[in-house]
Amino acid sequence: MSLQSVRAFLAERAPDIEILEATTSTATVALAAAAHGVEPARIAKTLSLRLNGDVILLVMSGEARLDNRKYKDRFAAKAKMLDAAEVLEATSHPVGGVCPFGLPRSLRVYADVSLRRFDVVVPAAGDTHHALRIAPERLVQLADAEWVDVAQA
């Protein structure tokens, strides 16, 4: 259902964006980078977190690491990652295929400034074999995301 929900989302809001299929798994940043022929930093990984009882998504560069101090300063809470079952329930996407598109319900989405240095990034597209290429600003616009600075320098 998850890949289909991303396809439906893009068909409605961004029909010009093509979903890419890989013959190998893209479940990790390294695998995704190899499969799509890009440097790992261009993979736009999506973290699923719980913030004050709500699920939020944080999209960041594939090589970026969450800076717990910056996160706490920005959100006034400690970062709490969801487990795989919670991720699937909240997003309909399996771990390794999570993206901010085609969600079953509206979630707050944040994009880390670590993505801004690239003209194009490669987020997953709802499963571990599909992705898309997109400009970071367009990703933010389509996902109705807010820019944040929560990655380690």
Protein backbone atom coordinates (compact mmCIF):
# COMPACT_ATOMS: atom_id res chain seq x y z
CA MET A 1 0.00 0.00 0.00
CA SER A 2 2.83 2.37 0.80
CA LEU A 3 4.41 2.65 -2.67
CA GLN A 4 0.92 3.05 -4.11
CA SER A 5 0.13 5.88 -1.69
CA VAL A 6 3.31 7.71 -2.75
CA ARG A 7 2.42 7.16 -6.43
CA ALA A 8 -1.08 8.57 -5.80
CA PHE A 9 0.33 11.56 -3.88
CA LEU A 10 2.78 12.40 -6.67
CA ALA A 11 0.18 11.85 -9.42
CA GLU A 12 -2.00 14.47 -7.76
CA ARG A 13 0.59 17.01 -6.61
CA ALA A 14 3.73 16.48 -8.71
CA PRO A 15 3.02 14.37 -11.80
CA ASP A 16 6.38 15.40 -13.29
CA ILE A 17 8.31 13.49 -10.60
CA GLU A 18 9.25 9.96 -11.61
CA ILE A 19 9.53 7.14 -9.11
CA LEU A 20 12.75 5.20 -9.62
CA GLU A 21 12.93 1.46 -9.07
CA ALA A 22 16.12 -0.25 -7.90
CA THR A 23 16.85 -3.92 -8.48
CA THR A 24 18.54 -4.13 -5.08
CA SER A 25 17.39 -3.04 -1.65
CA THR A 26 17.76 0.61 -0.77
CA ALA A 27 16.90 0.11 2.90
CA THR A 28 20.05 1.82 4.20
CA VAL A 29 21.77 5.03 3.16
CA ALA A 30 24.76 3.11 1.76
CA LEU A 31 22.57 0.72 -0.24
CA ALA A 32 20.39 3.56 -1.54
CA ALA A 33 23.42 5.61 -2.59
CA ALA A 34 24.93 2.65 -4.46
CA ALA A 35 21.62 1.73 -6.12
CA HIS A 36 20.96 5.28 -7.33
CA GLY A 37 24.53 6.26 -8.15
CA VAL A 38 24.79 9.20 -5.76
CA GLU A 39 26.95 10.07 -2.79
CA PRO A 40 25.44 8.95 0.57
CA ALA A 41 24.97 12.56 1.70
CA ARG A 42 22.42 13.09 -1.14
CA ILE A 43 20.13 10.38 0.23
CA ALA A 44 17.32 12.17 2.07
CA LYS A 45 16.68 9.87 5.00
CA THR A 46 13.47 10.29 6.95
CA LEU A 47 13.51 9.72 10.70
CA SER A 48 10.27 9.01 12.55
CA LEU A 49 10.17 10.47 16.05
CA ARG A 50 7.71 10.99 18.87
CA LEU A 51 7.41 14.56 20.11
CA ASN A 52 5.08 15.28 23.04
CA GLY A 53 2.89 12.32 22.10
CA ASP A 54 2.76 13.18 18.38
CA VAL A 55 4.65 11.53 15.54
CA ILE A 56 6.87 13.83 13.50
CA LEU A 57 9.09 13.19 10.51
CA LEU A 58 12.56 14.65 10.12
CA VAL A 59 14.19 14.51 6.69
CA MET A 60 17.95 14.99 6.67
CA SER A 61 21.06 14.29 4.63
CA GLY A 62 22.05 10.64 4.57
CA GLU A 63 25.35 11.32 6.30
CA ALA A 64 23.94 13.72 8.88
CA ARG A 65 23.54 12.65 12.49
CA LEU A 66 20.99 14.07 14.86
CA ASP A 67 22.48 16.53 17.35
CA ASN A 68 20.60 15.85 20.57
CA ARG A 69 21.39 19.30 22.03
CA LYS A 70 20.16 21.13 18.92
CA TYR A 71 17.05 18.92 18.81
CA LYS A 72 16.28 19.60 22.47
CA ASP A 73 16.88 23.33 22.03
CA ARG A 74 14.55 23.43 18.99
CA PHE A 75 11.76 21.16 20.25
CA ALA A 76 12.12 21.44 24.06
CA ALA A 77 12.13 17.65 24.27
CA LYS A 78 14.47 14.70 23.97
CA ALA A 79 14.55 12.92 20.59
CA LYS A 80 12.63 9.63 20.78
CA MET A 81 12.79 7.35 17.74
CA LEU A 82 9.83 5.15 16.87
CA ASP A 83 10.30 1.41 16.57
CA ALA A 84 9.66 -0.36 13.26
CA ALA A 85 6.04 -1.26 14.05
CA GLU A 86 5.25 2.31 15.13
CA VAL A 87 6.88 3.68 11.97
CA LEU A 88 4.76 1.42 9.75
CA GLU A 89 1.59 2.29 11.64
CA ALA A 90 2.22 6.04 11.54
CA THR A 91 3.49 6.36 7.96
CA SER A 92 2.34 3.19 6.14
CA HIS A 93 5.97 2.97 4.96
CA PRO A 94 8.40 0.31 6.23
CA VAL A 95 11.70 1.32 7.82
CA GLY A 96 14.10 1.92 4.93
CA GLY A 97 11.29 3.20 2.71
CA VAL A 98 9.95 6.07 4.81
CA CYS A 99 9.37 9.40 3.08
CA PRO A 100 7.15 12.42 3.82
CA PHE A 101 4.79 11.66 0.91
CA GLY A 102 1.68 9.49 0.69
CA LEU A 103 1.06 9.40 4.43
CA PRO A 104 -2.22 7.98 5.78
CA ARG A 105 -2.73 11.10 7.90
CA SER A 106 -1.14 14.50 8.21
CA LEU A 107 2.09 14.57 10.22
CA ARG A 108 4.35 17.49 11.01
CA VAL A 109 7.38 17.26 8.74
CA TYR A 110 10.71 18.98 9.27
CA ALA A 111 13.65 19.18 6.86
CA ASP A 112 17.13 19.66 8.21
CA VAL A 113 19.28 22.34 6.62
CA SER A 114 21.84 19.61 5.82
CA LEU A 115 19.79 19.04 2.63
CA ARG A 116 20.13 22.62 1.40
CA ARG A 117 23.64 22.21 0.04
CA PHE A 118 22.37 19.95 -2.76
CA ASP A 119 20.47 20.77 -5.93
CA VAL A 120 18.85 17.31 -5.88
CA VAL A 121 18.36 14.76 -3.11
CA VAL A 122 17.04 11.19 -3.22
CA PRO A 123 14.39 10.23 -0.66
CA ALA A 124 12.73 6.81 -0.53
CA ALA A 125 9.31 6.44 -2.16
CA GLY A 126 7.40 4.25 0.26
CA ASP A 127 9.33 0.98 0.15
CA THR A 128 12.87 -0.39 0.13
CA HIS A 129 13.25 -0.55 -3.67
CA HIS A 130 11.88 2.80 -4.82
CA ALA A 131 13.02 6.42 -4.58
CA LEU A 132 12.75 9.72 -6.38
CA ARG A 133 14.98 12.67 -7.24
CA ILE A 134 13.83 16.06 -6.02
CA ALA A 135 15.18 19.50 -5.20
CA PRO A 136 15.23 20.06 -1.42
CA GLU A 137 13.06 23.20 -1.70
CA ARG A 138 10.45 21.25 -3.65
CA LEU A 139 10.54 18.42 -1.11
CA VAL A 140 9.81 20.97 1.61
CA GLN A 141 7.01 22.52 -0.41
CA LEU A 142 5.33 19.19 -1.29
CA ALA A 143 5.65 17.83 2.25
CA ASP A 144 4.53 21.12 3.80
CA ALA A 145 7.70 20.89 5.86
CA GLU A 146 9.55 23.42 7.98
CA TRP A 147 13.31 23.94 7.82
CA VAL A 148 15.21 23.19 11.04
CA ASP A 149 18.87 22.93 12.05
CA VAL A 150 19.18 19.81 14.21
CA ALA A 151 22.05 17.87 12.58
CA GLN A 152 25.56 17.75 13.96
CA ALA A 153 27.87 20.27 12.35
